[in-house]
Amino acid sequence: GQPNTVKLDELDVICAVLGCGLEELLL
């Protein structure tokens, strides 16, 4: 569901897997 927090390391992994940047994930 909607997590309370997301670690910066997790965001790095998600961006690497999806091939995108943080600006595309965080609105």
mmCIF file of all heavy atoms, coordinates in Angstrom:
data_MODEL
# 
_entry.id   MODEL 
# 
loop_
_atom_site.group_PDB 
_atom_site.id 
_atom_site.type_symbol 
_atom_site.label_atom_id 
_atom_site.label_alt_id 
_atom_site.label_comp_id 
_atom_site.label_asym_id 
_atom_site.label_entity_id 
_atom_site.label_seq_id 
_atom_site.pdbx_PDB_ins_code 
_atom_site.Cartn_x 
_atom_site.Cartn_y 
_atom_site.Cartn_z 
_atom_site.occupancy 
_atom_site.B_iso_or_equiv 
_atom_site.pdbx_formal_charge 
_atom_site.auth_seq_id 
_atom_site.auth_comp_id 
_atom_site.auth_asym_id 
_atom_site.auth_atom_id 
_atom_site.pdbx_PDB_model_num 
ATOM 1   N N   . GLY A 1 1  ? 0.833  -1.206 0.000   1.00 0.00 ? 1  GLY A N   1 
ATOM 2   C CA  . GLY A 1 1  ? 0.000  0.000  0.000   1.00 0.00 ? 1  GLY A CA  1 
ATOM 3   C C   . GLY A 1 1  ? 0.857  1.241  0.000   1.00 0.00 ? 1  GLY A C   1 
ATOM 4   O O   . GLY A 1 1  ? 1.900  1.279  -0.638  1.00 0.00 ? 1  GLY A O   1 
ATOM 5   N N   . GLN A 1 2  ? 0.420  2.242  0.735   1.00 0.00 ? 2  GLN A N   1 
ATOM 6   C CA  . GLN A 1 2  ? 1.176  3.487  0.819   1.00 0.00 ? 2  GLN A CA  1 
ATOM 7   C C   . GLN A 1 2  ? 2.120  3.410  2.018   1.00 0.00 ? 2  GLN A C   1 
ATOM 8   O O   . GLN A 1 2  ? 1.677  3.409  3.157   1.00 0.00 ? 2  GLN A O   1 
ATOM 9   C CB  . GLN A 1 2  ? 0.238  4.676  0.966   1.00 0.00 ? 2  GLN A CB  1 
ATOM 10  C CG  . GLN A 1 2  ? -0.603 4.930  -0.256  1.00 0.00 ? 2  GLN A CG  1 
ATOM 11  C CD  . GLN A 1 2  ? -1.449 6.169  -0.103  1.00 0.00 ? 2  GLN A CD  1 
ATOM 12  O OE1 . GLN A 1 2  ? -1.561 6.736  0.960   1.00 0.00 ? 2  GLN A OE1 1 
ATOM 13  N NE2 . GLN A 1 2  ? -2.050 6.586  -1.192  1.00 0.00 ? 2  GLN A NE2 1 
ATOM 14  N N   . PRO A 1 3  ? 3.419  3.363  1.766   1.00 0.00 ? 3  PRO A N   1 
ATOM 15  C CA  . PRO A 1 3  ? 4.365  3.249  2.878   1.00 0.00 ? 3  PRO A CA  1 
ATOM 16  C C   . PRO A 1 3  ? 4.482  4.570  3.634   1.00 0.00 ? 3  PRO A C   1 
ATOM 17  O O   . PRO A 1 3  ? 4.240  5.645  3.081   1.00 0.00 ? 3  PRO A O   1 
ATOM 18  C CB  . PRO A 1 3  ? 5.681  2.908  2.176   1.00 0.00 ? 3  PRO A CB  1 
ATOM 19  C CG  . PRO A 1 3  ? 5.543  3.528  0.829   1.00 0.00 ? 3  PRO A CG  1 
ATOM 20  C CD  . PRO A 1 3  ? 4.080  3.399  0.480   1.00 0.00 ? 3  PRO A CD  1 
ATOM 21  N N   . ASN A 1 4  ? 4.852  4.466  4.911   1.00 0.00 ? 4  ASN A N   1 
ATOM 22  C CA  . ASN A 1 4  ? 5.079  5.670  5.710   1.00 0.00 ? 4  ASN A CA  1 
ATOM 23  C C   . ASN A 1 4  ? 6.386  6.344  5.323   1.00 0.00 ? 4  ASN A C   1 
ATOM 24  O O   . ASN A 1 4  ? 6.474  7.567  5.299   1.00 0.00 ? 4  ASN A O   1 
ATOM 25  C CB  . ASN A 1 4  ? 5.116  5.319  7.200   1.00 0.00 ? 4  ASN A CB  1 
ATOM 26  C CG  . ASN A 1 4  ? 3.761  4.890  7.705   1.00 0.00 ? 4  ASN A CG  1 
ATOM 27  O OD1 . ASN A 1 4  ? 2.742  5.285  7.167   1.00 0.00 ? 4  ASN A OD1 1 
ATOM 28  N ND2 . ASN A 1 4  ? 3.753  4.067  8.728   1.00 0.00 ? 4  ASN A ND2 1 
ATOM 29  N N   . THR A 1 5  ? 7.390  5.543  5.035   1.00 0.00 ? 5  THR A N   1 
ATOM 30  C CA  . THR A 1 5  ? 8.698  6.073  4.660   1.00 0.00 ? 5  THR A CA  1 
ATOM 31  C C   . THR A 1 5  ? 9.285  5.230  3.536   1.00 0.00 ? 5  THR A C   1 
ATOM 32  O O   . THR A 1 5  ? 8.923  4.079  3.338   1.00 0.00 ? 5  THR A O   1 
ATOM 33  C CB  . THR A 1 5  ? 9.683  6.019  5.847   1.00 0.00 ? 5  THR A CB  1 
ATOM 34  O OG1 . THR A 1 5  ? 9.836  4.667  6.258   1.00 0.00 ? 5  THR A OG1 1 
ATOM 35  C CG2 . THR A 1 5  ? 9.200  6.860  7.015   1.00 0.00 ? 5  THR A CG2 1 
ATOM 36  N N   . VAL A 1 6  ? 10.191 5.846  2.812   1.00 0.00 ? 6  VAL A N   1 
ATOM 37  C CA  . VAL A 1 6  ? 10.963 5.149  1.789   1.00 0.00 ? 6  VAL A CA  1 
ATOM 38  C C   . VAL A 1 6  ? 12.405 5.580  1.985   1.00 0.00 ? 6  VAL A C   1 
ATOM 39  O O   . VAL A 1 6  ? 12.705 6.774  2.020   1.00 0.00 ? 6  VAL A O   1 
ATOM 40  C CB  . VAL A 1 6  ? 10.492 5.506  0.362   1.00 0.00 ? 6  VAL A CB  1 
ATOM 41  C CG1 . VAL A 1 6  ? 11.361 4.837  -0.680  1.00 0.00 ? 6  VAL A CG1 1 
ATOM 42  C CG2 . VAL A 1 6  ? 9.046  5.125  0.167   1.00 0.00 ? 6  VAL A CG2 1 
ATOM 43  N N   . LYS A 1 7  ? 13.292 4.635  2.152   1.00 0.00 ? 7  LYS A N   1 
ATOM 44  C CA  . LYS A 1 7  ? 14.704 4.939  2.357   1.00 0.00 ? 7  LYS A CA  1 
ATOM 45  C C   . LYS A 1 7  ? 15.336 5.392  1.045   1.00 0.00 ? 7  LYS A C   1 
ATOM 46  O O   . LYS A 1 7  ? 14.914 5.002  -0.045  1.00 0.00 ? 7  LYS A O   1 
ATOM 47  C CB  . LYS A 1 7  ? 15.433 3.715  2.884   1.00 0.00 ? 7  LYS A CB  1 
ATOM 48  C CG  . LYS A 1 7  ? 14.948 3.272  4.241   1.00 0.00 ? 7  LYS A CG  1 
ATOM 49  C CD  . LYS A 1 7  ? 15.685 2.036  4.691   1.00 0.00 ? 7  LYS A CD  1 
ATOM 50  C CE  . LYS A 1 7  ? 15.139 1.537  6.002   1.00 0.00 ? 7  LYS A CE  1 
ATOM 51  N NZ  . LYS A 1 7  ? 15.789 0.297  6.436   1.00 0.00 ? 7  LYS A NZ  1 
ATOM 52  N N   . LEU A 1 8  ? 16.364 6.235  1.167   1.00 0.00 ? 8  LEU A N   1 
ATOM 53  C CA  . LEU A 1 8  ? 17.045 6.727  -0.023  1.00 0.00 ? 8  LEU A CA  1 
ATOM 54  C C   . LEU A 1 8  ? 17.695 5.584  -0.796  1.00 0.00 ? 8  LEU A C   1 
ATOM 55  O O   . LEU A 1 8  ? 17.713 5.613  -2.036  1.00 0.00 ? 8  LEU A O   1 
ATOM 56  C CB  . LEU A 1 8  ? 18.087 7.775  0.365   1.00 0.00 ? 8  LEU A CB  1 
ATOM 57  C CG  . LEU A 1 8  ? 17.523 9.073  0.939   1.00 0.00 ? 8  LEU A CG  1 
ATOM 58  C CD1 . LEU A 1 8  ? 18.647 10.004 1.351   1.00 0.00 ? 8  LEU A CD1 1 
ATOM 59  C CD2 . LEU A 1 8  ? 16.610 9.748  -0.058  1.00 0.00 ? 8  LEU A CD2 1 
ATOM 60  N N   . ASP A 1 9  ? 18.188 4.589  -0.086  1.00 0.00 ? 9  ASP A N   1 
ATOM 61  C CA  . ASP A 1 9  ? 18.777 3.430  -0.770  1.00 0.00 ? 9  ASP A CA  1 
ATOM 62  C C   . ASP A 1 9  ? 17.727 2.707  -1.615  1.00 0.00 ? 9  ASP A C   1 
ATOM 63  O O   . ASP A 1 9  ? 18.024 2.234  -2.718  1.00 0.00 ? 9  ASP A O   1 
ATOM 64  C CB  . ASP A 1 9  ? 19.370 2.448  0.241   1.00 0.00 ? 9  ASP A CB  1 
ATOM 65  C CG  . ASP A 1 9  ? 20.593 3.012  0.944   1.00 0.00 ? 9  ASP A CG  1 
ATOM 66  O OD1 . ASP A 1 9  ? 21.193 3.971  0.418   1.00 0.00 ? 9  ASP A OD1 1 
ATOM 67  O OD2 . ASP A 1 9  ? 20.935 2.491  2.014   1.00 0.00 ? 9  ASP A OD2 1 
ATOM 68  N N   . GLU A 1 10 ? 16.498 2.607  -1.086  1.00 0.00 ? 10 GLU A N   1 
ATOM 69  C CA  . GLU A 1 10 ? 15.423 1.960  -1.832  1.00 0.00 ? 10 GLU A CA  1 
ATOM 70  C C   . GLU A 1 10 ? 15.070 2.764  -3.078  1.00 0.00 ? 10 GLU A C   1 
ATOM 71  O O   . GLU A 1 10 ? 14.807 2.190  -4.141  1.00 0.00 ? 10 GLU A O   1 
ATOM 72  C CB  . GLU A 1 10 ? 14.191 1.791  -0.950  1.00 0.00 ? 10 GLU A CB  1 
ATOM 73  C CG  . GLU A 1 10 ? 14.395 0.816  0.195   1.00 0.00 ? 10 GLU A CG  1 
ATOM 74  C CD  . GLU A 1 10 ? 13.256 0.810  1.187   1.00 0.00 ? 10 GLU A CD  1 
ATOM 75  O OE1 . GLU A 1 10 ? 12.419 1.745  1.156   1.00 0.00 ? 10 GLU A OE1 1 
ATOM 76  O OE2 . GLU A 1 10 ? 13.193 -0.120 2.017   1.00 0.00 ? 10 GLU A OE2 1 
ATOM 77  N N   . LEU A 1 11 ? 15.068 4.096  -2.969  1.00 0.00 ? 11 LEU A N   1 
ATOM 78  C CA  . LEU A 1 11 ? 14.797 4.925  -4.145  1.00 0.00 ? 11 LEU A CA  1 
ATOM 79  C C   . LEU A 1 11 ? 15.869 4.737  -5.207  1.00 0.00 ? 11 LEU A C   1 
ATOM 80  O O   . LEU A 1 11 ? 15.565 4.704  -6.399  1.00 0.00 ? 11 LEU A O   1 
ATOM 81  C CB  . LEU A 1 11 ? 14.711 6.398  -3.746  1.00 0.00 ? 11 LEU A CB  1 
ATOM 82  C CG  . LEU A 1 11 ? 13.425 6.851  -3.098  1.00 0.00 ? 11 LEU A CG  1 
ATOM 83  C CD1 . LEU A 1 11 ? 13.523 8.309  -2.684  1.00 0.00 ? 11 LEU A CD1 1 
ATOM 84  C CD2 . LEU A 1 11 ? 12.246 6.655  -4.018  1.00 0.00 ? 11 LEU A CD2 1 
ATOM 85  N N   . ASP A 1 12 ? 17.120 4.609  -4.787  1.00 0.00 ? 12 ASP A N   1 
ATOM 86  C CA  . ASP A 1 12 ? 18.201 4.361  -5.752  1.00 0.00 ? 12 ASP A CA  1 
ATOM 87  C C   . ASP A 1 12 ? 17.983 3.047  -6.491  1.00 0.00 ? 12 ASP A C   1 
ATOM 88  O O   . ASP A 1 12 ? 18.164 2.978  -7.705  1.00 0.00 ? 12 ASP A O   1 
ATOM 89  C CB  . ASP A 1 12 ? 19.557 4.335  -5.038  1.00 0.00 ? 12 ASP A CB  1 
ATOM 90  C CG  . ASP A 1 12 ? 20.023 5.713  -4.610  1.00 0.00 ? 12 ASP A CG  1 
ATOM 91  O OD1 . ASP A 1 12 ? 19.540 6.707  -5.188  1.00 0.00 ? 12 ASP A OD1 1 
ATOM 92  O OD2 . ASP A 1 12 ? 20.872 5.789  -3.706  1.00 0.00 ? 12 ASP A OD2 1 
ATOM 93  N N   . VAL A 1 13 ? 17.569 2.016  -5.765  1.00 0.00 ? 13 VAL A N   1 
ATOM 94  C CA  . VAL A 1 13 ? 17.334 0.708  -6.386  1.00 0.00 ? 13 VAL A CA  1 
ATOM 95  C C   . VAL A 1 13 ? 16.156 0.794  -7.356  1.00 0.00 ? 13 VAL A C   1 
ATOM 96  O O   . VAL A 1 13 ? 16.222 0.284  -8.483  1.00 0.00 ? 13 VAL A O   1 
ATOM 97  C CB  . VAL A 1 13 ? 17.087 -0.372 -5.308  1.00 0.00 ? 13 VAL A CB  1 
ATOM 98  C CG1 . VAL A 1 13 ? 16.613 -1.667 -5.935  1.00 0.00 ? 13 VAL A CG1 1 
ATOM 99  C CG2 . VAL A 1 13 ? 18.331 -0.594 -4.479  1.00 0.00 ? 13 VAL A CG2 1 
ATOM 100 N N   . ILE A 1 14 ? 15.081 1.441  -6.938  1.00 0.00 ? 14 ILE A N   1 
ATOM 101 C CA  . ILE A 1 14 ? 13.896 1.567  -7.803  1.00 0.00 ? 14 ILE A CA  1 
ATOM 102 C C   . ILE A 1 14 ? 14.256 2.321  -9.082  1.00 0.00 ? 14 ILE A C   1 
ATOM 103 O O   . ILE A 1 14 ? 13.866 1.921  -10.182 1.00 0.00 ? 14 ILE A O   1 
ATOM 104 C CB  . ILE A 1 14 ? 12.754 2.267  -7.041  1.00 0.00 ? 14 ILE A CB  1 
ATOM 105 C CG1 . ILE A 1 14 ? 12.255 1.367  -5.906  1.00 0.00 ? 14 ILE A CG1 1 
ATOM 106 C CG2 . ILE A 1 14 ? 11.614 2.643  -7.981  1.00 0.00 ? 14 ILE A CG2 1 
ATOM 107 C CD1 . ILE A 1 14 ? 11.320 2.056  -4.932  1.00 0.00 ? 14 ILE A CD1 1 
ATOM 108 N N   . CYS A 1 15 ? 15.007 3.413  -8.943  1.00 0.00 ? 15 CYS A N   1 
ATOM 109 C CA  . CYS A 1 15 ? 15.404 4.183  -10.130 1.00 0.00 ? 15 CYS A CA  1 
ATOM 110 C C   . CYS A 1 15 ? 16.307 3.362  -11.050 1.00 0.00 ? 15 CYS A C   1 
ATOM 111 O O   . CYS A 1 15 ? 16.167 3.434  -12.278 1.00 0.00 ? 15 CYS A O   1 
ATOM 112 C CB  . CYS A 1 15 ? 16.116 5.461  -9.708  1.00 0.00 ? 15 CYS A CB  1 
ATOM 113 S SG  . CYS A 1 15 ? 15.016 6.690  -8.984  1.00 0.00 ? 15 CYS A SG  1 
ATOM 114 N N   . ALA A 1 16 ? 17.212 2.570  -10.476 1.00 0.00 ? 16 ALA A N   1 
ATOM 115 C CA  . ALA A 1 16 ? 18.097 1.744  -11.295 1.00 0.00 ? 16 ALA A CA  1 
ATOM 116 C C   . ALA A 1 16 ? 17.310 0.682  -12.042 1.00 0.00 ? 16 ALA A C   1 
ATOM 117 O O   . ALA A 1 16 ? 17.545 0.434  -13.230 1.00 0.00 ? 16 ALA A O   1 
ATOM 118 C CB  . ALA A 1 16 ? 19.166 1.096  -10.418 1.00 0.00 ? 16 ALA A CB  1 
ATOM 119 N N   . VAL A 1 17 ? 16.344 0.052  -11.381 1.00 0.00 ? 17 VAL A N   1 
ATOM 120 C CA  . VAL A 1 17 ? 15.545 -1.003 -12.014 1.00 0.00 ? 17 VAL A CA  1 
ATOM 121 C C   . VAL A 1 17 ? 14.656 -0.415 -13.106 1.00 0.00 ? 17 VAL A C   1 
ATOM 122 O O   . VAL A 1 17 ? 14.532 -0.985 -14.194 1.00 0.00 ? 17 VAL A O   1 
ATOM 123 C CB  . VAL A 1 17 ? 14.712 -1.756 -10.959 1.00 0.00 ? 17 VAL A CB  1 
ATOM 124 C CG1 . VAL A 1 17 ? 13.687 -2.667 -11.616 1.00 0.00 ? 17 VAL A CG1 1 
ATOM 125 C CG2 . VAL A 1 17 ? 15.616 -2.547 -10.028 1.00 0.00 ? 17 VAL A CG2 1 
ATOM 126 N N   . LEU A 1 18 ? 14.023 0.732  -12.822 1.00 0.00 ? 18 LEU A N   1 
ATOM 127 C CA  . LEU A 1 18 ? 13.104 1.326  -13.793 1.00 0.00 ? 18 LEU A CA  1 
ATOM 128 C C   . LEU A 1 18 ? 13.819 2.159  -14.852 1.00 0.00 ? 18 LEU A C   1 
ATOM 129 O O   . LEU A 1 18 ? 13.215 2.521  -15.861 1.00 0.00 ? 18 LEU A O   1 
ATOM 130 C CB  . LEU A 1 18 ? 12.077 2.206  -13.073 1.00 0.00 ? 18 LEU A CB  1 
ATOM 131 C CG  . LEU A 1 18 ? 11.119 1.489  -12.121 1.00 0.00 ? 18 LEU A CG  1 
ATOM 132 C CD1 . LEU A 1 18 ? 10.215 2.502  -11.425 1.00 0.00 ? 18 LEU A CD1 1 
ATOM 133 C CD2 . LEU A 1 18 ? 10.297 0.460  -12.864 1.00 0.00 ? 18 LEU A CD2 1 
ATOM 134 N N   . GLY A 1 19 ? 15.086 2.477  -14.614 1.00 0.00 ? 19 GLY A N   1 
ATOM 135 C CA  . GLY A 1 19 ? 15.831 3.291  -15.568 1.00 0.00 ? 19 GLY A CA  1 
ATOM 136 C C   . GLY A 1 19 ? 15.323 4.720  -15.630 1.00 0.00 ? 19 GLY A C   1 
ATOM 137 O O   . GLY A 1 19 ? 15.196 5.298  -16.707 1.00 0.00 ? 19 GLY A O   1 
ATOM 138 N N   . CYS A 1 20 ? 15.009 5.282  -14.470 1.00 0.00 ? 20 CYS A N   1 
ATOM 139 C CA  . CYS A 1 20 ? 14.495 6.650  -14.431 1.00 0.00 ? 20 CYS A CA  1 
ATOM 140 C C   . CYS A 1 20 ? 15.225 7.437  -13.348 1.00 0.00 ? 20 CYS A C   1 
ATOM 141 O O   . CYS A 1 20 ? 16.069 6.905  -12.639 1.00 0.00 ? 20 CYS A O   1 
ATOM 142 C CB  . CYS A 1 20 ? 12.993 6.647  -14.156 1.00 0.00 ? 20 CYS A CB  1 
ATOM 143 S SG  . CYS A 1 20 ? 12.552 5.981  -12.546 1.00 0.00 ? 20 CYS A SG  1 
ATOM 144 N N   . GLY A 1 21 ? 14.886 8.704  -13.228 1.00 0.00 ? 21 GLY A N   1 
ATOM 145 C CA  . GLY A 1 21 ? 15.475 9.556  -12.206 1.00 0.00 ? 21 GLY A CA  1 
ATOM 146 C C   . GLY A 1 21 ? 14.478 9.847  -11.100 1.00 0.00 ? 21 GLY A C   1 
ATOM 147 O O   . GLY A 1 21 ? 13.282 9.559  -11.210 1.00 0.00 ? 21 GLY A O   1 
ATOM 148 N N   . LEU A 1 22 ? 14.983 10.410 -10.000 1.00 0.00 ? 22 LEU A N   1 
ATOM 149 C CA  . LEU A 1 22 ? 14.111 10.735 -8.867  1.00 0.00 ? 22 LEU A CA  1 
ATOM 150 C C   . LEU A 1 22 ? 13.007 11.716 -9.250  1.00 0.00 ? 22 LEU A C   1 
ATOM 151 O O   . LEU A 1 22 ? 11.889 11.636 -8.754  1.00 0.00 ? 22 LEU A O   1 
ATOM 152 C CB  . LEU A 1 22 ? 14.934 11.321 -7.718  1.00 0.00 ? 22 LEU A CB  1 
ATOM 153 C CG  . LEU A 1 22 ? 15.789 10.342 -6.945  1.00 0.00 ? 22 LEU A CG  1 
ATOM 154 C CD1 . LEU A 1 22 ? 16.612 11.073 -5.908  1.00 0.00 ? 22 LEU A CD1 1 
ATOM 155 C CD2 . LEU A 1 22 ? 14.938 9.290  -6.285  1.00 0.00 ? 22 LEU A CD2 1 
ATOM 156 N N   . GLU A 1 23 ? 13.336 12.647 -10.151 1.00 0.00 ? 23 GLU A N   1 
ATOM 157 C CA  . GLU A 1 23 ? 12.337 13.640 -10.548 1.00 0.00 ? 23 GLU A CA  1 
ATOM 158 C C   . GLU A 1 23 ? 11.144 13.018 -11.264 1.00 0.00 ? 23 GLU A C   1 
ATOM 159 O O   . GLU A 1 23 ? 10.064 13.612 -11.321 1.00 0.00 ? 23 GLU A O   1 
ATOM 160 C CB  . GLU A 1 23 ? 12.977 14.727 -11.419 1.00 0.00 ? 23 GLU A CB  1 
ATOM 161 C CG  . GLU A 1 23 ? 13.481 14.243 -12.767 1.00 0.00 ? 23 GLU A CG  1 
ATOM 162 C CD  . GLU A 1 23 ? 14.850 13.556 -12.711 1.00 0.00 ? 23 GLU A CD  1 
ATOM 163 O OE1 . GLU A 1 23 ? 15.499 13.555 -11.664 1.00 0.00 ? 23 GLU A OE1 1 
ATOM 164 O OE2 . GLU A 1 23 ? 15.240 13.013 -13.755 1.00 0.00 ? 23 GLU A OE2 1 
ATOM 165 N N   . GLU A 1 24 ? 11.308 11.811 -11.779 1.00 0.00 ? 24 GLU A N   1 
ATOM 166 C CA  . GLU A 1 24 ? 10.196 11.120 -12.418 1.00 0.00 ? 24 GLU A CA  1 
ATOM 167 C C   . GLU A 1 24 ? 9.351  10.328 -11.415 1.00 0.00 ? 24 GLU A C   1 
ATOM 168 O O   . GLU A 1 24 ? 8.207  10.005 -11.692 1.00 0.00 ? 24 GLU A O   1 
ATOM 169 C CB  . GLU A 1 24 ? 10.725 10.180 -13.499 1.00 0.00 ? 24 GLU A CB  1 
ATOM 170 C CG  . GLU A 1 24 ? 11.416 10.929 -14.638 1.00 0.00 ? 24 GLU A CG  1 
ATOM 171 C CD  . GLU A 1 24 ? 12.065 9.979  -15.603 1.00 0.00 ? 24 GLU A CD  1 
ATOM 172 O OE1 . GLU A 1 24 ? 11.356 9.551  -16.541 1.00 0.00 ? 24 GLU A OE1 1 
ATOM 173 O OE2 . GLU A 1 24 ? 13.252 9.659  -15.410 1.00 0.00 ? 24 GLU A OE2 1 
ATOM 174 N N   . LEU A 1 25 ? 9.944  9.998  -10.263 1.00 0.00 ? 25 LEU A N   1 
ATOM 175 C CA  . LEU A 1 25 ? 9.215  9.243  -9.246  1.00 0.00 ? 25 LEU A CA  1 
ATOM 176 C C   . LEU A 1 25 ? 8.541  10.136 -8.219  1.00 0.00 ? 25 LEU A C   1 
ATOM 177 O O   . LEU A 1 25 ? 7.441  9.846  -7.770  1.00 0.00 ? 25 LEU A O   1 
ATOM 178 C CB  . LEU A 1 25 ? 10.164 8.293  -8.501  1.00 0.00 ? 25 LEU A CB  1 
ATOM 179 C CG  . LEU A 1 25 ? 10.719 7.129  -9.287  1.00 0.00 ? 25 LEU A CG  1 
ATOM 180 C CD1 . LEU A 1 25 ? 11.663 6.325  -8.407  1.00 0.00 ? 25 LEU A CD1 1 
ATOM 181 C CD2 . LEU A 1 25 ? 9.610  6.246  -9.817  1.00 0.00 ? 25 LEU A CD2 1 
ATOM 182 N N   . LEU A 1 26 ? 9.214  11.192 -7.817  1.00 0.00 ? 26 LEU A N   1 
ATOM 183 C CA  . LEU A 1 26 ? 8.711  12.071 -6.764  1.00 0.00 ? 26 LEU A CA  1 
ATOM 184 C C   . LEU A 1 26 ? 8.026  13.278 -7.376  1.00 0.00 ? 26 LEU A C   1 
ATOM 185 O O   . LEU A 1 26 ? 8.635  14.053 -8.107  1.00 0.00 ? 26 LEU A O   1 
ATOM 186 C CB  . LEU A 1 26 ? 9.865  12.518 -5.861  1.00 0.00 ? 26 LEU A CB  1 
ATOM 187 C CG  . LEU A 1 26 ? 10.650 11.396 -5.201  1.00 0.00 ? 26 LEU A CG  1 
ATOM 188 C CD1 . LEU A 1 26 ? 11.802 11.974 -4.397  1.00 0.00 ? 26 LEU A CD1 1 
ATOM 189 C CD2 . LEU A 1 26 ? 9.756  10.562 -4.315  1.00 0.00 ? 26 LEU A CD2 1 
ATOM 190 N N   . LEU A 1 27 ? 6.756  13.424 -7.091  1.00 0.00 ? 27 LEU A N   1 
ATOM 191 C CA  . LEU A 1 27 ? 5.990  14.560 -7.597  1.00 0.00 ? 27 LEU A CA  1 
ATOM 192 C C   . LEU A 1 27 ? 5.659  15.495 -6.443  1.00 0.00 ? 27 LEU A C   1 
ATOM 193 O O   . LEU A 1 27 ? 5.103  15.063 -5.428  1.00 0.00 ? 27 LEU A O   1 
ATOM 194 C CB  . LEU A 1 27 ? 4.685  14.061 -8.242  1.00 0.00 ? 27 LEU A CB  1 
ATOM 195 C CG  . LEU A 1 27 ? 4.856  13.069 -9.395  1.00 0.00 ? 27 LEU A CG  1 
ATOM 196 C CD1 . LEU A 1 27 ? 3.507  12.556 -9.844  1.00 0.00 ? 27 LEU A CD1 1 
ATOM 197 C CD2 . LEU A 1 27 ? 5.591  13.723 -10.535 1.00 0.00 ? 27 LEU A CD2 1 
# 
